[in-house]
Amino acid sequence: MDRVFIAGTVSNSPEIGWVLVVTAELNLWQALFNMLPLMPLDGGRLLFALLTRIMSANSAARVSGIIGLVGVLLWIPIMIFAYVSFGFVFLFFPPILRHWQTLRYARY
């Protein structure tokens, strides 16, 4: 039987190990999801910050707006597929209007 070490104590319970594995997997998926290059997420802000280092802020806003719009447009079929195939309901819907305004109001 496998032993699980929790805060300096040893447990022989496999249920605790399963809970820790599931919690670690959920944390990993959340971190990966958070790094999507959509603007309200950290990945969108990181993309904009990286783009401003290699181009002007206006060009970076246009590029991040385009990438955000493409991401939102790809997100819609993914949501439908996940619901139809697996019954998952995604509670996050990226704001289309915010990406459109970022793209539209960037000064040339």
PDB file of N, CA and C in Angstrom:
ATOM      1  N   MET A   1       0.841  -1.172   0.000  1.00  0.00           N
ATOM      2  CA  MET A   1       0.000   0.000   0.000  1.00  0.00           C
ATOM      3  C   MET A   1       0.889   1.240   0.000  1.00  0.00           C
ATOM      4  N   ASP A   2       0.509   2.225  -0.823  1.00  0.00           N
ATOM      5  CA  ASP A   2       1.280   3.461  -0.910  1.00  0.00           C
ATOM      6  C   ASP A   2       1.023   4.341   0.296  1.00  0.00           C
ATOM      7  N   ARG A   3       2.057   5.054   0.677  1.00  0.00           N
ATOM      8  CA  ARG A   3       1.928   5.990   1.786  1.00  0.00           C
ATOM      9  C   ARG A   3       1.907   7.410   1.249  1.00  0.00           C
ATOM     10  N   VAL A   4       1.094   8.222   1.827  1.00  0.00           N
ATOM     11  CA  VAL A   4       0.981   9.615   1.440  1.00  0.00           C
ATOM     12  C   VAL A   4       1.445  10.469   2.606  1.00  0.00           C
ATOM     13  N   PHE A   5       2.376  11.383   2.348  1.00  0.00           N
ATOM     14  CA  PHE A   5       2.884  12.273   3.386  1.00  0.00           C
ATOM     15  C   PHE A   5       2.133  13.591   3.319  1.00  0.00           C
ATOM     16  N   ILE A   6       1.453  13.927   4.399  1.00  0.00           N
ATOM     17  CA  ILE A   6       0.706  15.180   4.473  1.00  0.00           C
ATOM     18  C   ILE A   6       1.144  15.907   5.733  1.00  0.00           C
ATOM     19  N   ALA A   7       1.766  17.051   5.553  1.00  0.00           N
ATOM     20  CA  ALA A   7       2.190  17.922   6.668  1.00  0.00           C
ATOM     21  C   ALA A   7       2.964  17.158   7.722  1.00  0.00           C
ATOM     22  N   GLY A   8       3.873  16.288   7.288  1.00  0.00           N
ATOM     23  CA  GLY A   8       4.737  15.588   8.218  1.00  0.00           C
ATOM     24  C   GLY A   8       4.143  14.316   8.790  1.00  0.00           C
ATOM     25  N   THR A   9       2.907  13.976   8.469  1.00  0.00           N
ATOM     26  CA  THR A   9       2.309  12.740   8.962  1.00  0.00           C
ATOM     27  C   THR A   9       2.168  11.758   7.813  1.00  0.00           C
ATOM     28  N   VAL A  10       2.096  10.506   8.147  1.00  0.00           N
ATOM     29  CA  VAL A  10       1.973   9.457   7.138  1.00  0.00           C
ATOM     30  C   VAL A  10       0.551   8.906   7.195  1.00  0.00           C
ATOM     31  N   SER A  11      -0.050   8.759   6.009  1.00  0.00           N
ATOM     32  CA  SER A  11      -1.398   8.206   5.928  1.00  0.00           C
ATOM     33  C   SER A  11      -1.384   7.023   4.972  1.00  0.00           C
ATOM     34  N   ASN A  12      -2.078   5.977   5.329  1.00  0.00           N
ATOM     35  CA  ASN A  12      -2.190   4.806   4.465  1.00  0.00           C
ATOM     36  C   ASN A  12      -3.465   4.837   3.641  1.00  0.00           C
ATOM     37  N   SER A  13      -4.194   5.902   3.675  1.00  0.00           N
ATOM     38  CA  SER A  13      -5.470   6.003   2.990  1.00  0.00           C
ATOM     39  C   SER A  13      -5.263   6.375   1.520  1.00  0.00           C
ATOM     40  N   PRO A  14      -5.730   5.541   0.587  1.00  0.00           N
ATOM     41  CA  PRO A  14      -5.588   5.885  -0.827  1.00  0.00           C
ATOM     42  C   PRO A  14      -6.515   7.028  -1.235  1.00  0.00           C
ATOM     43  N   GLU A  15      -7.582   7.277  -0.479  1.00  0.00           N
ATOM     44  CA  GLU A  15      -8.498   8.346  -0.834  1.00  0.00           C
ATOM     45  C   GLU A  15      -7.827   9.716  -0.727  1.00  0.00           C
ATOM     46  N   ILE A  16      -6.961   9.876   0.251  1.00  0.00           N
ATOM     47  CA  ILE A  16      -6.266  11.152   0.413  1.00  0.00           C
ATOM     48  C   ILE A  16      -5.324  11.374  -0.763  1.00  0.00           C
ATOM     49  N   GLY A  17      -4.660  10.343  -1.200  1.00  0.00           N
ATOM     50  CA  GLY A  17      -3.780  10.456  -2.355  1.00  0.00           C
ATOM     51  C   GLY A  17      -4.551  10.820  -3.607  1.00  0.00           C
ATOM     52  N   TRP A  18      -5.735  10.226  -3.775  1.00  0.00           N
ATOM     53  CA  TRP A  18      -6.560  10.528  -4.941  1.00  0.00           C
ATOM     54  C   TRP A  18      -7.014  11.987  -4.911  1.00  0.00           C
ATOM     55  N   VAL A  19      -7.400  12.465  -3.758  1.00  0.00           N
ATOM     56  CA  VAL A  19      -7.830  13.859  -3.631  1.00  0.00           C
ATOM     57  C   VAL A  19      -6.682  14.807  -3.966  1.00  0.00           C
ATOM     58  N   LEU A  20      -5.478  14.484  -3.507  1.00  0.00           N
ATOM     59  CA  LEU A  20      -4.322  15.330  -3.810  1.00  0.00           C
ATOM     60  C   LEU A  20      -3.991  15.325  -5.300  1.00  0.00           C
ATOM     61  N   VAL A  21      -4.092  14.182  -5.939  1.00  0.00           N
ATOM     62  CA  VAL A  21      -3.813  14.098  -7.377  1.00  0.00           C
ATOM     63  C   VAL A  21      -4.836  14.896  -8.163  1.00  0.00           C
ATOM     64  N   VAL A  22      -6.111  14.745  -7.827  1.00  0.00           N
ATOM     65  CA  VAL A  22      -7.155  15.481  -8.534  1.00  0.00           C
ATOM     66  C   VAL A  22      -6.998  16.984  -8.309  1.00  0.00           C
ATOM     67  N   THR A  23      -6.681  17.383  -7.105  1.00  0.00           N
ATOM     68  CA  THR A  23      -6.471  18.802  -6.808  1.00  0.00           C
ATOM     69  C   THR A  23      -5.286  19.353  -7.599  1.00  0.00           C
ATOM     70  N   ALA A  24      -4.217  18.589  -7.688  1.00  0.00           N
ATOM     71  CA  ALA A  24      -3.050  19.030  -8.460  1.00  0.00           C
ATOM     72  C   ALA A  24      -3.385  19.143  -9.945  1.00  0.00           C
ATOM     73  N   GLU A  25      -4.146  18.189 -10.478  1.00  0.00           N
ATOM     74  CA  GLU A  25      -4.530  18.247 -11.887  1.00  0.00           C
ATOM     75  C   GLU A  25      -5.433  19.442 -12.166  1.00  0.00           C
ATOM     76  N   LEU A  26      -6.396  19.695 -11.298  1.00  0.00           N
ATOM     77  CA  LEU A  26      -7.267  20.853 -11.480  1.00  0.00           C
ATOM     78  C   LEU A  26      -6.479  22.160 -11.419  1.00  0.00           C
ATOM     79  N   ASN A  27      -5.508  22.215 -10.532  1.00  0.00           N
ATOM     80  CA  ASN A  27      -4.673  23.411 -10.422  1.00  0.00           C
ATOM     81  C   ASN A  27      -3.848  23.608 -11.693  1.00  0.00           C
ATOM     82  N   LEU A  28      -3.338  22.540 -12.264  1.00  0.00           N
ATOM     83  CA  LEU A  28      -2.568  22.627 -13.501  1.00  0.00           C
ATOM     84  C   LEU A  28      -3.439  23.101 -14.653  1.00  0.00           C
ATOM     85  N   TRP A  29      -4.640  22.536 -14.787  1.00  0.00           N
ATOM     86  CA  TRP A  29      -5.548  22.950 -15.862  1.00  0.00           C
ATOM     87  C   TRP A  29      -5.959  24.404 -15.709  1.00  0.00           C
ATOM     88  N   GLN A  30      -6.170  24.848 -14.492  1.00  0.00           N
ATOM     89  CA  GLN A  30      -6.528  26.242 -14.261  1.00  0.00           C
ATOM     90  C   GLN A  30      -5.369  27.168 -14.647  1.00  0.00           C
ATOM     91  N   ALA A  31      -4.157  26.767 -14.340  1.00  0.00           N
ATOM     92  CA  ALA A  31      -2.990  27.575 -14.711  1.00  0.00           C
ATOM     93  C   ALA A  31      -2.847  27.662 -16.226  1.00  0.00           C
ATOM     94  N   LEU A  32      -3.048  26.539 -16.917  1.00  0.00           N
ATOM     95  CA  LEU A  32      -2.968  26.546 -18.381  1.00  0.00           C
ATOM     96  C   LEU A  32      -4.081  27.396 -18.987  1.00  0.00           C
ATOM     97  N   PHE A  33      -5.286  27.286 -18.442  1.00  0.00           N
ATOM     98  CA  PHE A  33      -6.416  28.072 -18.932  1.00  0.00           C
ATOM     99  C   PHE A  33      -6.156  29.557 -18.718  1.00  0.00           C
ATOM    100  N   ASN A  34      -5.587  29.912 -17.606  1.00  0.00           N
ATOM    101  CA  ASN A  34      -5.321  31.306 -17.280  1.00  0.00           C
ATOM    102  C   ASN A  34      -4.283  31.920 -18.214  1.00  0.00           C
ATOM    103  N   MET A  35      -3.466  31.099 -18.856  1.00  0.00           N
ATOM    104  CA  MET A  35      -2.440  31.612 -19.756  1.00  0.00           C
ATOM    105  C   MET A  35      -2.911  31.735 -21.198  1.00  0.00           C
ATOM    106  N   LEU A  36      -4.200  31.520 -21.461  1.00  0.00           N
ATOM    107  CA  LEU A  36      -4.730  31.765 -22.801  1.00  0.00           C
ATOM    108  C   LEU A  36      -4.575  33.245 -23.131  1.00  0.00           C
ATOM    109  N   PRO A  37      -4.243  33.579 -24.376  1.00  0.00           N
ATOM    110  CA  PRO A  37      -3.999  34.992 -24.699  1.00  0.00           C
ATOM    111  C   PRO A  37      -5.284  35.794 -24.909  1.00  0.00           C
ATOM    112  N   LEU A  38      -6.222  35.682 -23.995  1.00  0.00           N
ATOM    113  CA  LEU A  38      -7.455  36.465 -24.033  1.00  0.00           C
ATOM    114  C   LEU A  38      -7.339  37.546 -22.972  1.00  0.00           C
ATOM    115  N   MET A  39      -7.857  38.723 -23.256  1.00  0.00           N
ATOM    116  CA  MET A  39      -7.494  39.901 -22.485  1.00  0.00           C
ATOM    117  C   MET A  39      -7.830  39.889 -20.996  1.00  0.00           C
ATOM    118  N   PRO A  40      -8.963  39.435 -20.519  1.00  0.00           N
ATOM    119  CA  PRO A  40      -9.127  39.532 -19.067  1.00  0.00           C
ATOM    120  C   PRO A  40      -8.275  38.527 -18.292  1.00  0.00           C
ATOM    121  N   LEU A  41      -7.738  37.546 -18.984  1.00  0.00           N
ATOM    122  CA  LEU A  41      -6.891  36.551 -18.330  1.00  0.00           C
ATOM    123  C   LEU A  41      -5.443  37.035 -18.276  1.00  0.00           C
ATOM    124  N   ASP A  42      -4.648  36.396 -17.454  1.00  0.00           N
ATOM    125  CA  ASP A  42      -3.243  36.785 -17.315  1.00  0.00           C
ATOM    126  C   ASP A  42      -2.462  36.593 -18.606  1.00  0.00           C
ATOM    127  N   GLY A  43      -2.824  35.602 -19.392  1.00  0.00           N
ATOM    128  CA  GLY A  43      -2.135  35.377 -20.655  1.00  0.00           C
ATOM    129  C   GLY A  43      -2.299  36.540 -21.619  1.00  0.00           C
ATOM    130  N   GLY A  44      -3.470  37.155 -21.641  1.00  0.00           N
ATOM    131  CA  GLY A  44      -3.698  38.320 -22.489  1.00  0.00           C
ATOM    132  C   GLY A  44      -2.882  39.514 -22.043  1.00  0.00           C
ATOM    133  N   ARG A  45      -2.803  39.708 -20.742  1.00  0.00           N
ATOM    134  CA  ARG A  45      -1.998  40.816 -20.219  1.00  0.00           C
ATOM    135  C   ARG A  45      -0.501  40.563 -20.458  1.00  0.00           C
ATOM    136  N   LEU A  46      -0.077  39.317 -20.311  1.00  0.00           N
ATOM    137  CA  LEU A  46       1.316  38.970 -20.555  1.00  0.00           C
ATOM    138  C   LEU A  46       1.664  39.137 -22.031  1.00  0.00           C
ATOM    139  N   LEU A  47       0.752  38.737 -22.920  1.00  0.00           N
ATOM    140  CA  LEU A  47       0.970  38.914 -24.355  1.00  0.00           C
ATOM    141  C   LEU A  47       1.134  40.385 -24.692  1.00  0.00           C
ATOM    142  N   PHE A  48       0.250  41.227 -24.157  1.00  0.00           N
ATOM    143  CA  PHE A  48       0.344  42.660 -24.423  1.00  0.00           C
ATOM    144  C   PHE A  48       1.661  43.230 -23.896  1.00  0.00           C
ATOM    145  N   ALA A  49       2.070  42.821 -22.712  1.00  0.00           N
ATOM    146  CA  ALA A  49       3.326  43.314 -22.135  1.00  0.00           C
ATOM    147  C   ALA A  49       4.526  42.876 -22.971  1.00  0.00           C
ATOM    148  N   LEU A  50       4.509  41.632 -23.450  1.00  0.00           N
ATOM    149  CA  LEU A  50       5.619  41.160 -24.282  1.00  0.00           C
ATOM    150  C   LEU A  50       5.650  41.865 -25.631  1.00  0.00           C
ATOM    151  N   LEU A  51       4.460  42.113 -26.195  1.00  0.00           N
ATOM    152  CA  LEU A  51       4.413  42.799 -27.491  1.00  0.00           C
ATOM    153  C   LEU A  51       4.866  44.252 -27.379  1.00  0.00           C
ATOM    154  N   THR A  52       4.584  44.907 -26.262  1.00  0.00           N
ATOM    155  CA  THR A  52       5.027  46.291 -26.114  1.00  0.00           C
ATOM    156  C   THR A  52       6.540  46.406 -25.987  1.00  0.00           C
ATOM    157  N   ARG A  53       7.201  45.311 -25.663  1.00  0.00           N
ATOM    158  CA  ARG A  53       8.670  45.346 -25.598  1.00  0.00           C
ATOM    159  C   ARG A  53       9.297  45.311 -26.987  1.00  0.00           C
ATOM    160  N   ILE A  54       8.588  44.757 -27.980  1.00  0.00           N
ATOM    161  CA  ILE A  54       9.181  44.645 -29.315  1.00  0.00           C
ATOM    162  C   ILE A  54       8.541  45.578 -30.334  1.00  0.00           C
ATOM    163  N   MET A  55       7.416  46.236 -29.977  1.00  0.00           N
ATOM    164  CA  MET A  55       6.768  47.171 -30.899  1.00  0.00           C
ATOM    165  C   MET A  55       6.114  48.282 -30.088  1.00  0.00           C
ATOM    166  N   SER A  56       5.556  49.244 -30.778  1.00  0.00           N
ATOM    167  CA  SER A  56       4.903  50.349 -30.068  1.00  0.00           C
ATOM    168  C   SER A  56       3.639  49.856 -29.371  1.00  0.00           C
ATOM    169  N   ALA A  57       3.172  50.636 -28.402  1.00  0.00           N
ATOM    170  CA  ALA A  57       1.996  50.237 -27.628  1.00  0.00           C
ATOM    171  C   ALA A  57       0.755  50.161 -28.512  1.00  0.00           C
ATOM    172  N   ASN A  58       0.632  51.043 -29.489  1.00  0.00           N
ATOM    173  CA  ASN A  58      -0.528  51.012 -30.376  1.00  0.00           C
ATOM    174  C   ASN A  58      -0.521  49.765 -31.253  1.00  0.00           C
ATOM    175  N   SER A  59       0.636  49.421 -31.786  1.00  0.00           N
ATOM    176  CA  SER A  59       0.727  48.199 -32.594  1.00  0.00           C
ATOM    177  C   SER A  59       0.495  46.961 -31.733  1.00  0.00           C
ATOM    178  N   ALA A  60       1.010  46.990 -30.526  1.00  0.00           N
ATOM    179  CA  ALA A  60       0.798  45.859 -29.617  1.00  0.00           C
ATOM    180  C   ALA A  60      -0.677  45.707 -29.280  1.00  0.00           C
ATOM    181  N   ALA A  61      -1.384  46.833 -29.116  1.00  0.00           N
ATOM    182  CA  ALA A  61      -2.816  46.771 -28.835  1.00  0.00           C
ATOM    183  C   ALA A  61      -3.574  46.185 -30.023  1.00  0.00           C
ATOM    184  N   ARG A  62      -3.184  46.556 -31.229  1.00  0.00           N
ATOM    185  CA  ARG A  62      -3.846  46.010 -32.419  1.00  0.00           C
ATOM    186  C   ARG A  62      -3.605  44.512 -32.540  1.00  0.00           C
ATOM    187  N   VAL A  63      -2.363  44.083 -32.347  1.00  0.00           N
ATOM    188  CA  VAL A  63      -2.036  42.661 -32.471  1.00  0.00           C
ATOM    189  C   VAL A  63      -2.733  41.853 -31.380  1.00  0.00           C
ATOM    190  N   SER A  64      -2.708  42.352 -30.148  1.00  0.00           N
ATOM    191  CA  SER A  64      -3.383  41.613 -29.075  1.00  0.00           C
ATOM    192  C   SER A  64      -4.895  41.617 -29.276  1.00  0.00           C
ATOM    193  N   GLY A  65      -5.447  42.681 -29.867  1.00  0.00           N
ATOM    194  CA  GLY A  65      -6.870  42.693 -30.185  1.00  0.00           C
ATOM    195  C   GLY A  65      -7.229  41.661 -31.240  1.00  0.00           C
ATOM    196  N   ILE A  66      -6.389  41.531 -32.260  1.00  0.00           N
ATOM    197  CA  ILE A  66      -6.620  40.526 -33.303  1.00  0.00           C
ATOM    198  C   ILE A  66      -6.530  39.122 -32.724  1.00  0.00           C
ATOM    199  N   ILE A  67      -5.487  38.870 -31.941  1.00  0.00           N
ATOM    200  CA  ILE A  67      -5.325  37.548 -31.331  1.00  0.00           C
ATOM    201  C   ILE A  67      -6.488  37.246 -30.392  1.00  0.00           C
ATOM    202  N   GLY A  68      -6.937  38.260 -29.649  1.00  0.00           N
ATOM    203  CA  GLY A  68      -8.079  38.074 -28.759  1.00  0.00           C
ATOM    204  C   GLY A  68      -9.356  37.754 -29.515  1.00  0.00           C
ATOM    205  N   LEU A  69      -9.598  38.453 -30.634  1.00  0.00           N
ATOM    206  CA  LEU A  69     -10.795  38.166 -31.434  1.00  0.00           C
ATOM    207  C   LEU A  69     -10.754  36.761 -32.017  1.00  0.00           C
ATOM    208  N   VAL A  70      -9.594  36.357 -32.503  1.00  0.00           N
ATOM    209  CA  VAL A  70      -9.464  34.992 -33.036  1.00  0.00           C
ATOM    210  C   VAL A  70      -9.697  33.976 -31.921  1.00  0.00           C
ATOM    211  N   GLY A  71      -9.150  34.244 -30.742  1.00  0.00           N
ATOM    212  CA  GLY A  71      -9.357  33.340 -29.611  1.00  0.00           C
ATOM    213  C   GLY A  71     -10.814  33.234 -29.205  1.00  0.00           C
ATOM    214  N   VAL A  72     -11.513  34.377 -29.206  1.00  0.00           N
ATOM    215  CA  VAL A  72     -12.939  34.365 -28.861  1.00  0.00           C
ATOM    216  C   VAL A  72     -13.733  33.608 -29.902  1.00  0.00           C
ATOM    217  N   LEU A  73     -13.417  33.828 -31.177  1.00  0.00           N
ATOM    218  CA  LEU A  73     -14.148  33.138 -32.239  1.00  0.00           C
ATOM    219  C   LEU A  73     -13.873  31.634 -32.237  1.00  0.00           C
ATOM    220  N   LEU A  74     -12.703  31.224 -31.797  1.00  0.00           N
ATOM    221  CA  LEU A  74     -12.419  29.798 -31.658  1.00  0.00           C
ATOM    222  C   LEU A  74     -13.035  29.221 -30.387  1.00  0.00           C
ATOM    223  N   TRP A  75     -13.246  30.071 -29.386  1.00  0.00           N
ATOM    224  CA  TRP A  75     -13.790  29.618 -28.110  1.00  0.00           C
ATOM    225  C   TRP A  75     -15.240  29.165 -28.252  1.00  0.00           C
ATOM    226  N   ILE A  76     -16.009  29.822 -29.115  1.00  0.00           N
ATOM    227  CA  ILE A  76     -17.437  29.508 -29.266  1.00  0.00           C
ATOM    228  C   ILE A  76     -17.642  28.068 -29.740  1.00  0.00           C
ATOM    229  N   PRO A  77     -16.995  27.607 -30.818  1.00  0.00           N
ATOM    230  CA  PRO A  77     -17.189  26.194 -31.197  1.00  0.00           C
ATOM    231  C   PRO A  77     -16.646  25.208 -30.166  1.00  0.00           C
ATOM    232  N   ILE A  78     -15.587  25.591 -29.456  1.00  0.00           N
ATOM    233  CA  ILE A  78     -15.062  24.715 -28.402  1.00  0.00           C
ATOM    234  C   ILE A  78     -16.095  24.559 -27.296  1.00  0.00           C
ATOM    235  N   MET A  79     -16.771  25.654 -26.933  1.00  0.00           N
ATOM    236  CA  MET A  79     -17.818  25.582 -25.909  1.00  0.00           C
ATOM    237  C   MET A  79     -18.948  24.662 -26.344  1.00  0.00           C
ATOM    238  N   ILE A  80     -19.382  24.807 -27.593  1.00  0.00           N
ATOM    239  CA  ILE A  80     -20.482  23.979 -28.109  1.00  0.00           C
ATOM    240  C   ILE A  80     -20.062  22.513 -28.163  1.00  0.00           C
ATOM    241  N   PHE A  81     -18.852  22.247 -28.641  1.00  0.00           N
ATOM    242  CA  PHE A  81     -18.359  20.870 -28.713  1.00  0.00           C
ATOM    243  C   PHE A  81     -18.262  20.234 -27.334  1.00  0.00           C
ATOM    244  N   ALA A  82     -17.739  20.975 -26.367  1.00  0.00           N
ATOM    245  CA  ALA A  82     -17.595  20.436 -25.007  1.00  0.00           C
ATOM    246  C   ALA A  82     -18.953  20.146 -24.384  1.00  0.00           C
ATOM    247  N   TYR A  83     -19.936  20.992 -24.665  1.00  0.00           N
ATOM    248  CA  TYR A  83     -21.270  20.760 -24.098  1.00  0.00           C
ATOM    249  C   TYR A  83     -21.945  19.560 -24.755  1.00  0.00           C
ATOM    250  N   VAL A  84     -21.867  19.479 -26.072  1.00  0.00           N
ATOM    251  CA  VAL A  84     -22.528  18.382 -26.786  1.00  0.00           C
ATOM    252  C   VAL A  84     -21.830  17.052 -26.522  1.00  0.00           C
ATOM    253  N   SER A  85     -20.520  17.034 -26.527  1.00  0.00           N
ATOM    254  CA  SER A  85     -19.780  15.781 -26.396  1.00  0.00           C
ATOM    255  C   SER A  85     -19.674  15.288 -24.954  1.00  0.00           C
ATOM    256  N   PHE A  86     -19.383  16.204 -24.028  1.00  0.00           N
ATOM    257  CA  PHE A  86     -19.081  15.794 -22.668  1.00  0.00           C
ATOM    258  C   PHE A  86     -20.044  16.324 -21.625  1.00  0.00           C
ATOM    259  N   GLY A  87     -20.900  17.241 -22.000  1.00  0.00           N
ATOM    260  CA  GLY A  87     -21.831  17.828 -21.047  1.00  0.00           C
ATOM    261  C   GLY A  87     -21.206  18.915 -20.198  1.00  0.00           C
ATOM    262  N   PHE A  88     -20.019  19.390 -20.591  1.00  0.00           N
ATOM    263  CA  PHE A  88     -19.358  20.461 -19.842  1.00  0.00           C
ATOM    264  C   PHE A  88     -20.007  21.797 -20.173  1.00  0.00           C
ATOM    265  N   VAL A  89     -20.179  22.614 -19.173  1.00  0.00           N
ATOM    266  CA  VAL A  89     -20.669  23.968 -19.374  1.00  0.00           C
ATOM    267  C   VAL A  89     -19.556  24.912 -18.943  1.00  0.00           C
ATOM    268  N   PHE A  90     -19.047  25.655 -19.904  1.00  0.00           N
ATOM    269  CA  PHE A  90     -17.989  26.623 -19.591  1.00  0.00           C
ATOM    270  C   PHE A  90     -18.633  27.894 -19.084  1.00  0.00           C
ATOM    271  N   LEU A  91     -18.237  28.334 -17.922  1.00  0.00           N
ATOM    272  CA  LEU A  91     -18.812  29.539 -17.342  1.00  0.00           C
ATOM    273  C   LEU A  91     -18.068  30.791 -17.775  1.00  0.00           C
ATOM    274  N   PHE A  92     -16.928  30.635 -18.405  1.00  0.00           N
ATOM    275  CA  PHE A  92     -16.151  31.780 -18.865  1.00  0.00           C
ATOM    276  C   PHE A  92     -16.436  32.015 -20.337  1.00  0.00           C
ATOM    277  N   PHE A  93     -16.844  33.220 -20.654  1.00  0.00           N
ATOM    278  CA  PHE A  93     -17.002  33.617 -22.049  1.00  0.00           C
ATOM    279  C   PHE A  93     -16.206  34.895 -22.249  1.00  0.00           C
ATOM    280  N   PRO A  94     -15.182  34.855 -23.090  1.00  0.00           N
ATOM    281  CA  PRO A  94     -14.340  36.041 -23.268  1.00  0.00           C
ATOM    282  C   PRO A  94     -15.151  37.196 -23.865  1.00  0.00           C
ATOM    283  N   PRO A  95     -14.897  38.404 -23.417  1.00  0.00           N
ATOM    284  CA  PRO A  95     -15.666  39.552 -23.913  1.00  0.00           C
ATOM    285  C   PRO A  95     -15.254  39.940 -25.332  1.00  0.00           C
ATOM    286  N   ILE A  96     -16.137  39.714 -26.278  1.00  0.00           N
ATOM    287  CA  ILE A  96     -15.855  40.043 -27.677  1.00  0.00           C
ATOM    288  C   ILE A  96     -15.696  41.551 -27.838  1.00  0.00           C
ATOM    289  N   LEU A  97     -16.560  42.301 -27.180  1.00  0.00           N
ATOM    290  CA  LEU A  97     -16.549  43.753 -27.336  1.00  0.00           C
ATOM    291  C   LEU A  97     -15.229  44.366 -26.863  1.00  0.00           C
ATOM    292  N   ARG A  98     -14.666  43.833 -25.808  1.00  0.00           N
ATOM    293  CA  ARG A  98     -13.396  44.376 -25.306  1.00  0.00           C
ATOM    294  C   ARG A  98     -12.271  44.170 -26.311  1.00  0.00           C
ATOM    295  N   HIS A  99     -12.218  43.003 -26.933  1.00  0.00           N
ATOM    296  CA  HIS A  99     -11.177  42.746 -27.931  1.00  0.00           C
ATOM    297  C   HIS A  99     -11.415  43.595 -29.176  1.00  0.00           C
ATOM    298  N   TRP A 100     -12.674  43.770 -29.561  1.00  0.00           N
ATOM    299  CA  TRP A 100     -12.999  44.591 -30.724  1.00  0.00           C
ATOM    300  C   TRP A 100     -12.592  46.049 -30.475  1.00  0.00           C
ATOM    301  N   GLN A 101     -12.875  46.564 -29.268  1.00  0.00           N
ATOM    302  CA  GLN A 101     -12.499  47.936 -28.956  1.00  0.00           C
ATOM    303  C   GLN A 101     -10.984  48.098 -28.884  1.00  0.00           C
ATOM    304  N   THR A 102     -10.293  47.105 -28.372  1.00  0.00           N
ATOM    305  CA  THR A 102      -8.830  47.157 -28.338  1.00  0.00           C
ATOM    306  C   THR A 102      -8.268  47.234 -29.748  1.00  0.00           C
ATOM    307  N   LEU A 103      -8.847  46.468 -30.642  1.00  0.00           N
ATOM    308  CA  LEU A 103      -8.394  46.474 -32.037  1.00  0.00           C
ATOM    309  C   LEU A 103      -8.782  47.773 -32.720  1.00  0.00           C
ATOM    310  N   ARG A 104      -9.984  48.236 -32.502  1.00  0.00           N
ATOM    311  CA  ARG A 104     -10.524  49.385 -33.229  1.00  0.00           C
ATOM    312  C   ARG A 104      -9.924  50.707 -32.783  1.00  0.00           C
ATOM    313  N   TYR A 105      -9.735  50.896 -31.484  1.00  0.00           N
ATOM    314  CA  TYR A 105      -9.305  52.192 -30.984  1.00  0.00           C
ATOM    315  C   TYR A 105      -7.794  52.321 -30.832  1.00  0.00           C
ATOM    316  N   ALA A 106      -7.058  51.328 -31.265  1.00  0.00           N
ATOM    317  CA  ALA A 106      -5.591  51.475 -31.247  1.00  0.00           C
ATOM    318  C   ALA A 106      -5.196  52.502 -32.295  1.00  0.00           C
ATOM    319  N   ARG A 107      -4.368  53.429 -31.918  1.00  0.00           N
ATOM    320  CA  ARG A 107      -3.965  54.502 -32.845  1.00  0.00           C
ATOM    321  C   ARG A 107      -2.856  53.977 -33.748  1.00  0.00           C
ATOM    322  N   TYR A 108      -2.947  54.367 -34.979  1.00  0.00           N
ATOM    323  CA  TYR A 108      -1.972  53.876 -35.963  1.00  0.00           C
ATOM    324  C   TYR A 108      -0.696  54.671 -35.922  1.00  0.00           C
TER     325      TYR A 108
END
